[in-house]
Amino acid sequence: MAERKGRKNEALALAKKAQEILEDKKGEDILLLDVKKSGVADYFLLVSGTSAPHLKAMADEVQYVLKHAGIPCYRRAGDQESGWIALDYIQVIIHIFSDKMRHYYSIEDLWTKAPHRSP
């Protein structure tokens, strides 16, 4: 039980660290969703960017900082030209969107019952 609680605290700490990085990179409309009940991950972190280079810069910075903190990204999918980059840290999945793609996929609407964590 204590191990499980420690894992959840680690996931939240990772999500908060990534959130700080995205805030420093001027990410917009940052939202942290608690999706533990999904079985997919513990948290989804959503952020919007203003352009393709901005999306890439945010994704690259998150990976760089976390890697140097000893937390490698398990998988990266998408690219800045598609308008959606997903960084999979197993317990935390970071979704970096253009405004258009964030509206199109509307992940927030799929997870309306998930608790939102304030930034």
Protein backbone atom coordinates (compact mmCIF):
# COMPACT_ATOMS: atom_id res chain seq x y z
CA MET A 1 0.00 0.00 0.00
CA ALA A 2 2.79 2.44 0.89
CA GLU A 3 4.58 1.61 -2.36
CA ARG A 4 1.43 2.36 -4.35
CA LYS A 5 0.96 5.71 -2.59
CA GLY A 6 4.61 6.57 -3.24
CA ARG A 7 4.14 5.79 -6.93
CA LYS A 8 1.13 8.14 -7.07
CA ASN A 9 3.12 10.89 -5.36
CA GLU A 10 5.94 10.38 -7.88
CA ALA A 11 3.47 10.64 -10.75
CA LEU A 12 2.03 13.88 -9.41
CA ALA A 13 5.53 15.29 -8.82
CA LEU A 14 6.47 14.40 -12.41
CA ALA A 15 3.29 16.03 -13.75
CA LYS A 16 3.93 19.19 -11.72
CA LYS A 17 7.56 19.36 -12.91
CA ALA A 18 6.47 19.02 -16.54
CA GLN A 19 3.83 21.66 -15.93
CA GLU A 20 6.49 24.07 -14.64
CA ILE A 21 8.62 23.44 -17.72
CA LEU A 22 5.66 24.11 -20.01
CA GLU A 23 4.79 27.29 -18.12
CA ASP A 24 8.40 28.49 -18.54
CA LYS A 25 8.10 27.81 -22.28
CA LYS A 26 4.92 29.93 -22.42
CA GLY A 27 2.52 27.02 -22.89
CA GLU A 28 -1.10 28.10 -22.91
CA ASP A 29 -4.26 26.74 -21.28
CA ILE A 30 -2.40 24.12 -19.22
CA LEU A 31 -4.67 21.51 -17.67
CA LEU A 32 -3.77 18.56 -15.46
CA LEU A 33 -6.34 15.76 -15.42
CA ASP A 34 -6.37 12.98 -12.82
CA VAL A 35 -7.18 9.88 -14.90
CA LYS A 36 -6.07 7.14 -12.49
CA LYS A 37 -9.36 5.30 -12.91
CA SER A 38 -8.72 4.97 -16.65
CA GLY A 39 -6.02 2.33 -16.33
CA VAL A 40 -4.08 4.22 -19.01
CA ALA A 41 -2.05 6.58 -16.83
CA ASP A 42 -2.33 8.49 -13.58
CA TYR A 43 -2.37 11.94 -15.18
CA PHE A 44 -2.85 13.63 -18.52
CA LEU A 45 -1.17 17.02 -18.86
CA LEU A 46 -2.61 19.11 -21.71
CA VAL A 47 -1.09 22.29 -23.11
CA SER A 48 -1.59 24.42 -26.20
CA GLY A 49 1.08 26.12 -28.26
CA THR A 50 0.97 29.01 -30.69
CA SER A 51 2.86 27.52 -33.65
CA ALA A 52 4.59 24.39 -34.89
CA PRO A 53 8.01 25.59 -33.65
CA HIS A 54 6.45 26.38 -30.27
CA LEU A 55 5.04 22.84 -29.98
CA LYS A 56 8.44 21.35 -30.83
CA ALA A 57 10.25 23.65 -28.40
CA MET A 58 7.93 22.68 -25.55
CA ALA A 59 8.24 18.94 -26.24
CA ASP A 60 12.01 19.11 -26.63
CA GLU A 61 12.42 21.12 -23.42
CA VAL A 62 10.28 18.74 -21.36
CA GLN A 63 12.27 15.76 -22.63
CA TYR A 64 15.62 17.51 -22.11
CA VAL A 65 14.96 18.67 -18.55
CA LEU A 66 13.35 15.44 -17.40
CA LYS A 67 16.04 13.28 -19.02
CA HIS A 68 18.71 15.25 -17.15
CA ALA A 69 16.70 14.68 -13.96
CA GLY A 70 16.91 10.92 -14.63
CA ILE A 71 13.40 10.56 -16.07
CA PRO A 72 13.54 9.42 -19.71
CA CYS A 73 10.55 9.58 -22.00
CA TYR A 74 9.19 6.11 -22.76
CA ARG A 75 7.72 7.10 -26.11
CA ARG A 76 7.16 10.22 -28.20
CA ALA A 77 4.44 10.28 -30.85
CA GLY A 78 3.30 12.86 -33.37
CA ASP A 79 5.14 15.93 -34.49
CA GLN A 80 4.76 19.66 -34.54
CA GLU A 81 3.43 19.69 -38.10
CA SER A 82 0.51 17.43 -37.15
CA GLY A 83 -0.42 19.79 -34.33
CA TRP A 84 -0.17 17.14 -31.61
CA ILE A 85 2.84 15.73 -29.80
CA ALA A 86 2.35 13.13 -27.08
CA LEU A 87 5.10 12.40 -24.56
CA ASP A 88 4.53 9.14 -22.69
CA TYR A 89 6.10 8.92 -19.25
CA ILE A 90 3.96 5.85 -18.39
CA GLN A 91 2.26 7.40 -15.33
CA VAL A 92 1.95 10.80 -16.99
CA ILE A 93 1.08 11.44 -20.62
CA ILE A 94 1.75 14.94 -21.87
CA HIS A 95 -0.34 16.18 -24.79
CA ILE A 96 1.07 19.22 -26.59
CA PHE A 97 -1.47 20.63 -29.04
CA SER A 98 -2.01 23.39 -31.52
CA ASP A 99 -5.26 25.22 -30.72
CA LYS A 100 -6.91 23.66 -33.77
CA MET A 101 -6.02 20.08 -32.83
CA ARG A 102 -6.85 20.56 -29.17
CA HIS A 103 -10.31 21.73 -30.13
CA TYR A 104 -10.69 18.92 -32.70
CA TYR A 105 -9.76 16.08 -30.32
CA SER A 106 -11.32 17.75 -27.28
CA ILE A 107 -9.73 15.45 -24.71
CA GLU A 108 -11.10 17.61 -21.90
CA ASP A 109 -14.62 16.75 -23.07
CA LEU A 110 -13.85 13.03 -23.00
CA TRP A 111 -12.67 13.28 -19.40
CA THR A 112 -15.27 15.64 -17.94
CA LYS A 113 -15.59 13.54 -14.79
CA ALA A 114 -11.85 13.38 -14.20
CA PRO A 115 -10.71 15.63 -11.35
CA HIS A 116 -8.87 18.69 -12.62
CA ARG A 117 -5.76 19.78 -10.78
CA SER A 118 -5.08 23.46 -10.64
CA PRO A 119 -1.89 24.71 -12.25
